[in-house]
Structure formats: C-alpha cells, structure tokens
Amino acid sequence: MVTMNYNNKKQEHNRLSARASRYFKVSGNAGVIAAKVVGQRLLGFKADDSKDAAEMAKALGQLKGPIMKVAQLLSTIPEALPPEYARELAQLQANAPPMGPSFVKRRMIAEIGADWLSRLKNFDMNAAASASLGQVHKAIHSDGRILACKLQYPDMQSAVEADVNQLGIIFSIHARFNPAVNTREILKEIAARLREELDYHLEAKHMALYATIFAHNLSVNVPDVLHDLSTKRLLTMTWLDGQSLMAYRSHTLEDRNIIAKAMFRAWWYPFSHYGVIHGDPHLGNYTVFENKGRPSGINLLDYGCIRTFAPTFVKGVIDLYNGLLHDDKERIVHSYETWGFKGLTHELIDAMNIWAKFIYGPLLDDRERTIAEGTAPGEYGRKEAFTVHKILKEKGPVTVPREFVFMDRAAIGLGGVFLHLKAKLNWYRMFNETIKDFELDSLTNRQHEVFTRTGVPLPTSQ
C-alpha cells in the first residue's frame, strides 16, 4: 500500500511537471510575440500584422502537440483571429514526429499488459501515421483481421490543459485591439472538444454511433472497434483500405462527384437526422474505397472530434435555410435568437446574413455548380469573413454561441474538400432531399434512442 501511494504521488508529480514544462514552452514562444504586439500598440507604434503573425506561427510551429491542433483549428474559424494570423496558422502542420519502438512497447504494456504482443499475429512498430495527439500502427489480429491501433502520446492531458490555458495569450491580442467578435465562447468550445479527444472510450462510442447511422448506407464505411484491445489511451479498430482523396483530383468529373456525394451525405445526414457532425474535415480523416476500379464511397477514419447538438439547434439551422430561401426575415431572426445570439440590431443581422448566405449559398441555388465558383480551396470564405468583420467592428461586438465553432469549421473544411475535388453537383437538391422529412419530435426521439444505445452522452442543453 505504501508503494502504491508513492507511485501515485510520483505520477501526479510527473503530470504537474509536464504541465509546468508545457506552460513555459508555450508562454516562452507565444508570450514574447504577444508582449511585443501589445507594447507596440500601447506606445502608439504601428504594428506589422503580417510580420507578427509569421513570427507567432513560427513560434507555435516549434511546439507540436495540442497547440498545433488549436492553431490550425483557429485558422478555419472566421474572425476568431485577424486574417493575417489565420493565414499563417493555416499553413502549420499538426503532425508530430512519430515515437520509436521503445515508446510503443512501453505504452502497449501499460495499456493492455505485458503479454500484449502475444494477442496479435503481427504488429508493425513503425507508425503508419502520426498526428498531434497520437500515432497509428498497423497490426494483424490472431483471426486474420487487419487492425489499426491508435496510441496516444504520453502526458497529453497535461499538454492539453497547459495549451488551453495559454491560448488566452493569442485571443487577448485580438480582443484588445480588434473586438468585433467576443471569443469567450470559442475558447470554451475548443477546450471541451480537445479534452474529449483524449478519451478514446468516448471516441469508440462515437464510432458505434456512426456505424449505427450508416449501417445500411453503402457509400460510407465505419471501422469496427475491438474493445478487448482498447483503453482510454489505446483505440484498436479494423483497418479500412482506401486511397487519399487528393489522388482523385485528376479523375473524371463523374468519379469526383461520387466522392463528393459521399462526403456530403457523411456530414449532412447525421446532422439533420441525429444532431451530430464530424467536426474535423481534415483530408487525412477520409480515404476513398473502390469497387471494380471505380470510386464507390469514403472511409470515415477518425472520430475524436465529434460535436452533438440539441434538436432545437438543428431545427434552427433548417429554419434559417428556409428563411433565406424564401426571404422570410422573421424566420431568420427567430433562428438567430433560438441559438442564443444576444443584442441583435438590424446592422448585426445584416452582417450575419452575409455569412449565412455564404455558408448556405450553394444549397440555395437550384442548378449544377461548384461549391464556390472562382475560389481557390485555401481562400474559401476569406472574402466574406472580411466583409462581415468590417461591419461587426463598427456595430458589434457580437458573442458567437459555442455551437458554431465546429459547425462553421466543418462547413469551411468540407467546402475546401469539394473545391479540391472540383465537384460539380446540384447541392440544392441534395440538401433538400436530406431534410425533406425533418420533424423536431422525430429527431428528438431518434437521437435519444440511438445515443442511449451506443452510450454517447445526450447534448447538455436537452
């Protein structure tokens, strides 16, 4: 008993040490640039936003880990950061260098025991993929199934807590000198999703939820979880073979449209029917599977960033769409108020409508078209965000409800994928086919039944 108490204290000490170390690293990198920017403006000097943004990106780029994931995420949220910062942070690579075989062995023993290797026919010690919070290894089960073992890096909880707290450094620059948008709720949302992403038990439940949703859909594949080889920091699932989406950019329009339709279905159907979205539209989270040499659908690989919504929020999204479609101003305003926007004036509503019409634009246009004509993938939404910002700066600030953080992020990311594919579809008809049978009570009952069955927590606002 004495030994166990000592070990527990030692583990806690290590955890706190890791967090303290992370604070110093983040503060030392981002804090110096933040202090420089604030000092310049307080003394009346003209700051060079482009140069300062590049320095901030360089500083964060040396850290890897969760702060990199946060930086990339912020770059996709309109008006979370000044455009110069968003553009620089979008170029950061969130992938961390993979950990070696010694690390892998220690982590696997810690998670599922010293005999872990005997439970598998084969295990590749070299990572098949690495990201900001962990890495994936390919293995073969004793029954012959090919597996993907997602293994979390050590001290990630400490790193996440440190990075979330230090994120205020970046926000404080924007809030002090450019307060068009109150970022308080954005910070809360990012923190909640990052903490969830560390819990592989929850990710396994999200995987079960999506497997249920797409059980009878042939265009979206979901891996199976092996619970006896999974823990809170190790997630073992079946391996899904597929090719990168980017490998199909030179294929025929018909092939590219097949992939885009599957992507559209994988995002809008779960949202409209179950109140859930996949909030991380990173290209690496999808692969394309084929049938007889032609693309047939997508493999949805990662479920760490899943966002659930109360049915009333989903209804608000559909009501806003119909309000814009029929120019029903009363319905539009009601949608914003339903979501929790406060202190709306006519000017603020007009500004928000600019952004709403951009997000909904392809869904309001009954014809075949690209998702955003004449726009490059990396610039999707930039012009509209700039226009909205000018209005909010004069008429705001406005506090964006936290539900919109990943809603907007996913919409922008999804649009970027469609632009990469150069897909040309009738988005209006696809969307209206998805929502044609929407009823609030049906969504509520369906969500309650499936979430309860798969163990996914119901949205807290219910």
Protein backbone atom coordinates (compact mmCIF):
# COMPACT_ATOMS: atom_id res chain seq x y z
CA MET A 1 0.00 0.00 0.00
CA VAL A 2 2.85 2.37 0.82
CA THR A 3 4.45 1.64 -2.57
CA MET A 4 1.18 2.33 -4.39
CA ASN A 5 0.74 5.69 -2.66
CA TYR A 6 4.30 6.60 -3.55
CA ASN A 7 3.73 5.66 -7.18
CA ASN A 8 0.51 7.66 -7.32
CA LYS A 9 2.28 10.71 -5.93
CA LYS A 10 5.11 10.21 -8.37
CA GLN A 11 2.69 10.01 -11.30
CA GLU A 12 0.90 13.16 -10.11
CA HIS A 13 4.26 14.92 -9.71
CA ASN A 14 5.24 13.91 -13.21
CA ARG A 15 1.93 15.12 -14.58
CA LEU A 16 2.29 18.52 -12.89
CA SER A 17 5.89 18.75 -14.03
CA ALA A 18 4.84 18.03 -17.59
CA ARG A 19 2.18 20.70 -17.40
CA ALA A 20 4.57 23.27 -15.93
CA SER A 21 7.14 22.49 -18.61
CA ARG A 22 4.50 22.94 -21.29
CA TYR A 23 3.41 26.30 -19.82
CA PHE A 24 6.96 27.62 -20.06
CA LYS A 25 7.39 26.39 -23.63
CA VAL A 26 4.10 27.89 -24.87
CA SER A 27 4.47 31.10 -22.90
CA GLY A 28 8.08 31.50 -23.92
CA ASN A 29 7.23 31.20 -27.60
CA ALA A 30 3.84 32.85 -27.99
CA GLY A 31 4.14 35.16 -24.99
CA VAL A 32 7.15 37.05 -26.30
CA ILE A 33 5.38 37.89 -29.54
CA ALA A 34 2.16 38.78 -27.71
CA ALA A 35 4.03 41.17 -25.41
CA LYS A 36 5.74 42.75 -28.40
CA VAL A 37 2.45 43.38 -30.21
CA VAL A 38 0.70 44.78 -27.14
CA GLY A 39 3.67 47.00 -26.34
CA GLN A 40 3.80 48.41 -29.85
CA ARG A 41 0.15 49.37 -29.85
CA LEU A 42 0.09 50.80 -26.32
CA LEU A 43 3.03 53.04 -27.22
CA GLY A 44 1.33 54.15 -30.41
CA PHE A 45 3.59 52.38 -32.86
CA LYS A 46 2.09 50.87 -35.99
CA ALA A 47 2.31 47.09 -35.76
CA ASP A 48 3.11 44.91 -38.74
CA ASP A 49 0.36 42.26 -38.50
CA SER A 50 1.79 40.13 -41.30
CA LYS A 51 5.26 40.02 -39.74
CA ASP A 52 3.93 39.44 -36.22
CA ALA A 53 1.64 36.67 -37.47
CA ALA A 54 4.53 34.94 -39.22
CA GLU A 55 6.60 35.11 -36.03
CA MET A 56 3.71 33.69 -33.98
CA ALA A 57 3.25 30.81 -36.43
CA LYS A 58 6.97 30.06 -36.35
CA ALA A 59 6.98 30.02 -32.55
CA LEU A 60 3.98 27.69 -32.31
CA GLY A 61 5.34 25.52 -35.09
CA GLN A 62 8.26 24.54 -32.87
CA LEU A 63 5.95 23.11 -30.18
CA LYS A 64 3.84 20.49 -31.98
CA GLY A 65 1.18 18.70 -29.91
CA PRO A 66 -2.24 20.15 -28.98
CA ILE A 67 -1.34 23.81 -29.52
CA MET A 68 -0.67 22.99 -33.16
CA LYS A 69 -4.13 21.44 -33.46
CA VAL A 70 -5.63 24.53 -31.83
CA ALA A 71 -3.73 26.86 -34.13
CA GLN A 72 -4.93 25.07 -37.24
CA LEU A 73 -8.47 24.97 -35.88
CA LEU A 74 -8.50 28.71 -35.19
CA SER A 75 -7.36 29.41 -38.74
CA THR A 76 -10.63 27.90 -40.04
CA ILE A 77 -12.99 29.83 -37.70
CA PRO A 78 -13.97 33.14 -39.30
CA GLU A 79 -12.99 36.12 -37.13
CA ALA A 80 -11.51 34.09 -34.28
CA LEU A 81 -8.21 35.72 -35.27
CA PRO A 82 -7.12 38.56 -37.55
CA PRO A 83 -6.82 37.41 -41.19
CA GLU A 84 -3.02 37.70 -41.19
CA TYR A 85 -2.77 35.30 -38.23
CA ALA A 86 -5.35 32.91 -39.67
CA ARG A 87 -3.49 32.71 -42.99
CA GLU A 88 -0.15 31.92 -41.32
CA LEU A 89 -1.55 29.41 -38.82
CA ALA A 90 -3.41 27.57 -41.58
CA GLN A 91 -0.06 26.58 -43.05
CA LEU A 92 1.16 24.83 -39.89
CA GLN A 93 1.48 21.07 -39.95
CA ALA A 94 -0.16 19.40 -36.94
CA ASN A 95 1.71 16.11 -37.36
CA ALA A 96 4.22 15.35 -34.64
CA PRO A 97 7.28 13.16 -35.27
CA PRO A 98 6.37 9.52 -34.53
CA MET A 99 7.61 7.90 -31.33
CA GLY A 100 10.02 4.97 -31.70
CA PRO A 101 9.68 1.24 -30.88
CA SER A 102 10.78 1.61 -27.25
CA PHE A 103 7.99 4.09 -26.62
CA VAL A 104 5.47 1.90 -28.39
CA LYS A 105 6.37 -1.18 -26.32
CA ARG A 106 6.14 0.74 -23.03
CA ARG A 107 2.78 2.25 -23.96
CA MET A 108 1.27 -1.03 -25.14
CA ILE A 109 2.38 -2.81 -21.96
CA ALA A 110 0.91 0.00 -19.84
CA GLU A 111 -2.41 -0.15 -21.69
CA ILE A 112 -3.15 -3.88 -22.19
CA GLY A 113 -0.45 -5.80 -20.31
CA ALA A 114 2.96 -7.42 -20.74
CA ASP A 115 1.55 -10.16 -22.99
CA TRP A 116 0.11 -7.68 -25.47
CA LEU A 117 2.18 -8.88 -28.42
CA SER A 118 1.06 -12.49 -27.97
CA ARG A 119 -2.51 -11.38 -28.53
CA LEU A 120 -1.71 -10.37 -32.10
CA LYS A 121 -0.33 -12.23 -35.08
CA ASN A 122 1.74 -9.22 -36.15
CA PHE A 123 2.35 -5.61 -35.08
CA ASP A 124 4.31 -3.03 -37.07
CA MET A 125 6.46 -0.99 -34.67
CA ASN A 126 6.78 1.75 -37.27
CA ALA A 127 3.86 4.17 -37.19
CA ALA A 128 1.61 4.15 -40.27
CA ALA A 129 0.53 7.70 -39.43
CA SER A 130 1.24 10.30 -36.75
CA ALA A 131 -0.74 13.33 -35.65
CA SER A 132 -0.83 15.94 -32.89
CA LEU A 133 -2.14 13.70 -30.08
CA GLY A 134 -1.06 10.20 -31.08
CA GLN A 135 0.02 7.78 -33.78
CA VAL A 136 -1.45 4.78 -35.61
CA HIS A 137 0.16 1.34 -36.03
CA LYS A 138 -0.93 -1.42 -38.38
CA ALA A 139 -1.40 -4.88 -36.87
CA ILE A 140 -2.90 -8.29 -37.68
CA HIS A 141 -5.34 -9.98 -35.30
CA SER A 142 -4.99 -13.68 -34.48
CA ASP A 143 -8.12 -14.26 -36.57
CA GLY A 144 -6.51 -12.58 -39.60
CA ARG A 145 -8.25 -9.21 -39.49
CA ILE A 146 -6.03 -6.21 -40.29
CA LEU A 147 -6.16 -3.65 -37.48
CA ALA A 148 -5.33 -0.01 -36.82
CA CYS A 149 -4.00 0.66 -33.30
CA LYS A 150 -4.27 4.33 -32.33
CA LEU A 151 -1.87 5.03 -29.47
CA GLN A 152 -1.91 8.32 -27.54
CA TYR A 153 1.34 10.12 -26.77
CA PRO A 154 2.36 10.40 -23.09
CA ASP A 155 1.43 13.47 -20.99
CA MET A 156 -1.20 14.61 -23.49
CA GLN A 157 -3.67 15.56 -20.75
CA SER A 158 -1.06 17.84 -19.20
CA ALA A 159 -0.20 19.29 -22.60
CA VAL A 160 -3.84 19.96 -23.47
CA GLU A 161 -4.57 21.72 -20.16
CA ALA A 162 -1.46 23.86 -20.46
CA ASP A 163 -2.13 24.75 -24.08
CA VAL A 164 -5.79 25.59 -23.47
CA ASN A 165 -4.88 27.98 -20.66
CA GLN A 166 -2.15 29.62 -22.69
CA LEU A 167 -4.48 30.01 -25.68
CA GLY A 168 -5.71 33.16 -23.96
CA ILE A 169 -2.43 34.81 -24.98
CA ILE A 170 -3.38 34.66 -28.64
CA PHE A 171 -7.01 35.66 -28.05
CA SER A 172 -6.01 38.61 -25.88
CA ILE A 173 -4.24 40.28 -28.80
CA HIS A 174 -7.35 40.16 -30.94
CA ALA A 175 -9.77 41.04 -28.12
CA ARG A 176 -7.84 44.13 -27.04
CA PHE A 177 -7.34 45.75 -30.40
CA ASN A 178 -9.98 44.25 -32.65
CA PRO A 179 -13.03 43.35 -30.54
CA ALA A 180 -15.55 42.70 -33.32
CA VAL A 181 -16.24 39.18 -32.01
CA ASN A 182 -16.27 38.10 -28.36
CA THR A 183 -14.15 34.95 -28.37
CA ARG A 184 -15.06 33.76 -24.85
CA GLU A 185 -17.41 31.01 -26.01
CA ILE A 186 -14.97 29.95 -28.76
CA LEU A 187 -12.32 29.25 -26.13
CA LYS A 188 -14.76 27.20 -24.03
CA GLU A 189 -15.76 25.11 -27.02
CA ILE A 190 -12.21 24.41 -28.14
CA ALA A 191 -11.25 23.35 -24.61
CA ALA A 192 -14.21 20.98 -24.33
CA ARG A 193 -13.55 19.28 -27.67
CA LEU A 194 -9.81 18.89 -27.03
CA ARG A 195 -10.46 17.24 -23.67
CA GLU A 196 -12.96 14.89 -25.30
CA GLU A 197 -10.45 13.96 -27.97
CA LEU A 198 -8.17 12.50 -25.29
CA ASP A 199 -10.85 9.99 -24.25
CA TYR A 200 -10.65 7.00 -26.59
CA HIS A 201 -13.54 5.30 -24.76
CA LEU A 202 -15.73 8.20 -25.91
CA GLU A 203 -14.30 8.00 -29.42
CA ALA A 204 -15.24 4.31 -29.54
CA LYS A 205 -18.82 5.27 -28.63
CA HIS A 206 -18.85 7.89 -31.38
CA MET A 207 -17.67 5.22 -33.80
CA ALA A 208 -20.53 2.96 -32.71
CA LEU A 209 -22.94 5.87 -33.23
CA TYR A 210 -21.77 6.45 -36.80
CA ALA A 211 -21.77 2.72 -37.51
CA THR A 212 -25.45 2.68 -36.49
CA ILE A 213 -26.28 5.75 -38.57
CA PHE A 214 -24.66 4.33 -41.71
CA ALA A 215 -25.44 0.66 -41.16
CA HIS A 216 -27.46 0.49 -44.41
CA ASN A 217 -25.52 3.05 -46.44
CA LEU A 218 -23.08 1.63 -48.98
CA SER A 219 -21.16 4.87 -49.60
CA VAL A 220 -19.80 5.46 -46.07
CA ASN A 221 -17.67 2.90 -44.22
CA VAL A 222 -17.04 2.99 -40.46
CA PRO A 223 -14.38 0.84 -38.70
CA ASP A 224 -15.31 -1.74 -36.06
CA VAL A 225 -13.85 -1.28 -32.57
CA LEU A 226 -12.08 -4.16 -30.79
CA HIS A 227 -12.97 -3.38 -27.18
CA ASP A 228 -10.72 -6.07 -25.66
CA LEU A 229 -7.72 -4.34 -27.27
CA SER A 230 -8.80 -0.78 -26.42
CA THR A 231 -8.43 1.51 -23.40
CA LYS A 232 -8.82 5.21 -22.70
CA ARG A 233 -5.49 5.85 -24.46
CA LEU A 234 -5.43 2.97 -26.96
CA LEU A 235 -8.09 2.53 -29.62
CA THR A 236 -7.94 -0.60 -31.76
CA MET A 237 -10.21 -0.82 -34.80
CA THR A 238 -10.43 -2.65 -38.10
CA TRP A 239 -8.23 -1.28 -40.87
CA LEU A 240 -10.09 0.20 -43.84
CA ASP A 241 -8.17 0.17 -47.12
CA GLY A 242 -8.51 3.22 -49.32
CA GLN A 243 -6.78 5.94 -51.31
CA SER A 244 -6.28 9.59 -50.45
CA LEU A 245 -8.99 11.98 -51.67
CA MET A 246 -6.29 14.08 -53.29
CA ALA A 247 -5.33 11.13 -55.52
CA TYR A 248 -8.63 11.60 -57.38
CA ARG A 249 -8.24 15.26 -58.36
CA SER A 250 -7.28 14.30 -61.92
CA HIS A 251 -10.03 11.67 -62.30
CA THR A 252 -13.18 12.19 -64.33
CA LEU A 253 -15.87 14.55 -63.07
CA GLU A 254 -18.15 11.53 -62.56
CA ASP A 255 -15.60 9.91 -60.21
CA ARG A 256 -15.03 13.13 -58.31
CA ASN A 257 -18.79 13.69 -57.93
CA ILE A 258 -19.23 10.20 -56.47
CA ILE A 259 -16.73 11.06 -53.74
CA ALA A 260 -18.27 14.50 -53.12
CA LYS A 261 -21.77 12.99 -52.78
CA ALA A 262 -20.50 10.53 -50.18
CA MET A 263 -18.78 13.35 -48.27
CA PHE A 264 -21.93 15.46 -48.37
CA ARG A 265 -24.00 12.54 -47.10
CA ALA A 266 -21.48 11.72 -44.36
CA TRP A 267 -21.82 15.25 -42.97
CA TRP A 268 -25.40 16.46 -43.55
CA TYR A 269 -27.31 13.20 -42.94
CA PRO A 270 -26.04 12.64 -39.35
CA PHE A 271 -26.66 16.29 -38.55
CA SER A 272 -30.21 16.51 -39.89
CA HIS A 273 -31.31 13.08 -38.63
CA TYR A 274 -29.34 12.67 -35.37
CA GLY A 275 -27.96 16.09 -34.41
CA VAL A 276 -24.29 15.13 -34.77
CA ILE A 277 -21.42 16.27 -37.00
CA HIS A 278 -17.89 15.16 -37.72
CA GLY A 279 -16.06 18.34 -36.70
CA ASP A 280 -12.62 17.67 -38.18
CA PRO A 281 -12.79 17.74 -42.00
CA HIS A 282 -9.04 17.17 -42.37
CA LEU A 283 -8.18 15.40 -45.62
CA GLY A 284 -6.32 12.71 -43.67
CA ASN A 285 -9.51 11.65 -41.89
CA TYR A 286 -11.03 10.23 -45.08
CA THR A 287 -9.97 7.72 -47.70
CA VAL A 288 -11.77 6.52 -50.81
CA PHE A 289 -12.69 2.89 -51.35
CA GLU A 290 -13.27 1.43 -54.81
CA ASN A 291 -15.44 -1.17 -56.49
CA LYS A 292 -14.22 -2.66 -59.77
CA GLY A 293 -11.60 0.05 -60.15
CA ARG A 294 -14.00 2.98 -59.64
CA PRO A 295 -14.53 5.09 -56.51
CA SER A 296 -17.53 3.81 -54.60
CA GLY A 297 -17.55 5.80 -51.35
CA ILE A 298 -15.47 7.03 -48.41
CA ASN A 299 -13.95 5.53 -45.29
CA LEU A 300 -14.55 7.77 -42.28
CA LEU A 301 -11.49 7.10 -40.13
CA ASP A 302 -11.26 9.42 -37.13
CA TYR A 303 -13.95 10.14 -34.51
CA GLY A 304 -12.04 12.19 -31.96
CA CYS A 305 -13.75 15.48 -32.84
CA ILE A 306 -17.49 14.78 -32.87
CA ARG A 307 -19.98 17.51 -31.96
CA THR A 308 -23.55 16.78 -30.87
CA PHE A 309 -26.40 19.31 -30.86
CA ALA A 310 -29.78 19.65 -29.23
CA PRO A 311 -32.66 19.12 -31.69
CA THR A 312 -33.72 22.77 -31.32
CA PHE A 313 -30.32 23.86 -32.68
CA VAL A 314 -30.72 21.58 -35.70
CA LYS A 315 -34.21 23.00 -36.29
CA GLY A 316 -32.70 26.49 -36.17
CA VAL A 317 -30.24 25.58 -38.92
CA ILE A 318 -33.05 24.30 -41.15
CA ASP A 319 -35.29 27.27 -40.28
CA LEU A 320 -32.52 29.70 -41.23
CA TYR A 321 -32.09 27.89 -44.54
CA ASN A 322 -35.80 28.17 -45.32
CA GLY A 323 -35.81 31.79 -44.14
CA LEU A 324 -33.02 32.65 -46.57
CA LEU A 325 -34.60 30.59 -49.35
CA HIS A 326 -37.94 32.41 -49.04
CA ASP A 327 -36.58 35.79 -47.83
CA ASP A 328 -38.53 35.36 -44.58
CA LYS A 329 -36.84 37.90 -42.28
CA GLU A 330 -38.94 36.98 -39.26
CA ARG A 331 -37.87 33.34 -39.50
CA ILE A 332 -34.23 34.35 -39.99
CA VAL A 333 -34.20 36.50 -36.84
CA HIS A 334 -36.02 33.80 -34.87
CA SER A 335 -33.31 31.31 -35.84
CA TYR A 336 -30.55 33.57 -34.54
CA GLU A 337 -32.43 34.17 -31.30
CA THR A 338 -33.10 30.44 -30.87
CA TRP A 339 -29.35 29.82 -30.98
CA GLY A 340 -28.68 32.38 -28.25
CA PHE A 341 -27.39 35.44 -30.11
CA LYS A 342 -27.85 38.47 -27.85
CA GLY A 343 -28.45 42.16 -28.53
CA LEU A 344 -29.07 41.83 -32.25
CA THR A 345 -29.59 45.04 -34.21
CA HIS A 346 -30.60 45.38 -37.85
CA GLU A 347 -26.95 46.04 -38.76
CA LEU A 348 -25.71 42.95 -36.92
CA ILE A 349 -28.41 40.80 -38.51
CA ASP A 350 -27.40 42.05 -41.96
CA ALA A 351 -23.77 41.18 -41.21
CA MET A 352 -24.67 37.71 -40.00
CA ASN A 353 -26.82 37.18 -43.09
CA ILE A 354 -23.77 37.81 -45.30
CA TRP A 355 -22.02 34.89 -43.63
CA ALA A 356 -25.16 32.73 -43.59
CA LYS A 357 -25.73 33.30 -47.32
CA PHE A 358 -22.13 32.28 -47.97
CA ILE A 359 -22.46 29.02 -45.98
CA TYR A 360 -25.89 28.24 -47.45
CA GLY A 361 -25.23 29.74 -50.88
CA PRO A 362 -24.72 26.51 -52.88
CA LEU A 363 -27.72 24.94 -51.10
CA LEU A 364 -29.97 27.82 -52.19
CA ASP A 365 -29.04 27.59 -55.87
CA ASP A 366 -31.08 25.03 -57.83
CA ARG A 367 -28.54 24.15 -60.53
CA GLU A 368 -25.38 22.14 -61.03
CA ARG A 369 -22.35 24.15 -59.92
CA THR A 370 -19.10 24.01 -57.99
CA ILE A 371 -19.32 24.74 -54.27
CA ALA A 372 -17.78 28.22 -54.75
CA GLU A 373 -17.19 29.43 -58.25
CA GLY A 374 -13.89 31.19 -58.89
CA THR A 375 -12.48 30.46 -55.42
CA ALA A 376 -9.28 28.60 -54.51
CA PRO A 377 -9.50 26.00 -51.68
CA GLY A 378 -7.27 27.99 -49.33
CA GLU A 379 -9.32 31.18 -49.76
CA TYR A 380 -12.77 29.64 -49.21
CA GLY A 381 -14.73 32.07 -47.01
CA ARG A 382 -11.96 34.65 -46.62
CA LYS A 383 -13.65 37.45 -48.61
CA GLU A 384 -16.98 37.01 -46.83
CA ALA A 385 -15.32 36.89 -43.41
CA PHE A 386 -13.51 40.16 -44.18
CA THR A 387 -16.76 41.87 -45.19
CA VAL A 388 -18.55 40.66 -42.06
CA HIS A 389 -15.64 41.77 -39.88
CA LYS A 390 -15.80 45.36 -41.16
CA ILE A 391 -19.46 45.59 -40.14
CA LEU A 392 -19.01 43.91 -36.77
CA LYS A 393 -16.08 46.16 -35.94
CA GLU A 394 -18.35 49.19 -36.28
CA LYS A 395 -21.63 47.76 -35.00
CA GLY A 396 -20.52 44.91 -32.68
CA PRO A 397 -19.24 43.19 -30.74
CA VAL A 398 -21.25 40.01 -31.08
CA THR A 399 -20.84 36.88 -29.00
CA VAL A 400 -20.94 33.76 -31.15
CA PRO A 401 -22.63 30.78 -29.43
CA ARG A 402 -20.13 27.99 -28.88
CA GLU A 403 -22.10 25.53 -31.03
CA PHE A 404 -21.00 27.46 -34.12
CA VAL A 405 -17.27 26.91 -33.62
CA PHE A 406 -17.16 23.41 -35.08
CA MET A 407 -20.26 23.90 -37.22
CA ASP A 408 -18.53 26.69 -39.15
CA ARG A 409 -15.16 24.94 -39.07
CA ALA A 410 -16.62 21.76 -40.56
CA ALA A 411 -18.57 23.67 -43.21
CA ILE A 412 -15.45 25.56 -44.31
CA GLY A 413 -13.36 22.39 -44.31
CA LEU A 414 -15.97 20.46 -46.24
CA GLY A 415 -16.22 23.23 -48.81
CA GLY A 416 -12.45 23.12 -49.20
CA VAL A 417 -12.62 19.38 -49.94
CA PHE A 418 -15.28 19.96 -52.61
CA LEU A 419 -13.08 22.65 -54.17
CA HIS A 420 -10.07 20.32 -54.23
CA LEU A 421 -12.22 17.71 -55.99
CA LYS A 422 -13.69 20.33 -58.35
CA ALA A 423 -17.02 18.58 -57.85
CA LYS A 424 -19.98 19.93 -59.79
CA LEU A 425 -23.37 18.96 -58.35
CA ASN A 426 -26.84 20.26 -57.60
CA TRP A 427 -26.22 20.92 -53.89
CA TYR A 428 -29.72 22.38 -53.52
CA ARG A 429 -31.43 19.12 -54.46
CA MET A 430 -29.05 17.01 -52.39
CA PHE A 431 -29.69 19.14 -49.30
CA ASN A 432 -33.45 19.28 -49.73
CA GLU A 433 -33.54 15.50 -50.21
CA THR A 434 -31.69 15.19 -46.88
CA ILE A 435 -34.05 17.42 -44.89
CA LYS A 436 -37.38 16.70 -46.63
CA ASP A 437 -38.81 14.60 -43.78
CA PHE A 438 -37.41 16.68 -40.92
CA GLU A 439 -39.58 16.85 -37.80
CA LEU A 440 -38.37 18.08 -34.43
CA ASP A 441 -40.11 15.36 -32.40
CA SER A 442 -38.82 12.59 -34.67
CA LEU A 443 -35.25 13.88 -34.37
CA THR A 444 -35.58 14.10 -30.58
CA ASN A 445 -36.85 10.53 -30.27
CA ARG A 446 -34.33 9.14 -32.77
CA GLN A 447 -31.42 10.90 -31.08
CA HIS A 448 -32.45 9.72 -27.61
CA GLU A 449 -32.84 6.10 -28.73
CA VAL A 450 -29.58 5.80 -30.70
CA PHE A 451 -27.42 7.85 -28.34
CA THR A 452 -28.61 5.83 -25.37
CA ARG A 453 -27.99 2.55 -27.18
CA THR A 454 -24.44 3.48 -28.19
CA GLY A 455 -23.53 5.17 -24.89
CA VAL A 456 -22.97 8.65 -26.37
CA PRO A 457 -23.99 11.41 -23.91
CA LEU A 458 -27.01 13.44 -24.97
CA PRO A 459 -26.36 17.16 -25.58
CA THR A 460 -26.30 19.00 -22.24
CA SER A 461 -28.89 21.56 -23.33
CA GLN A 462 -31.57 18.85 -23.55
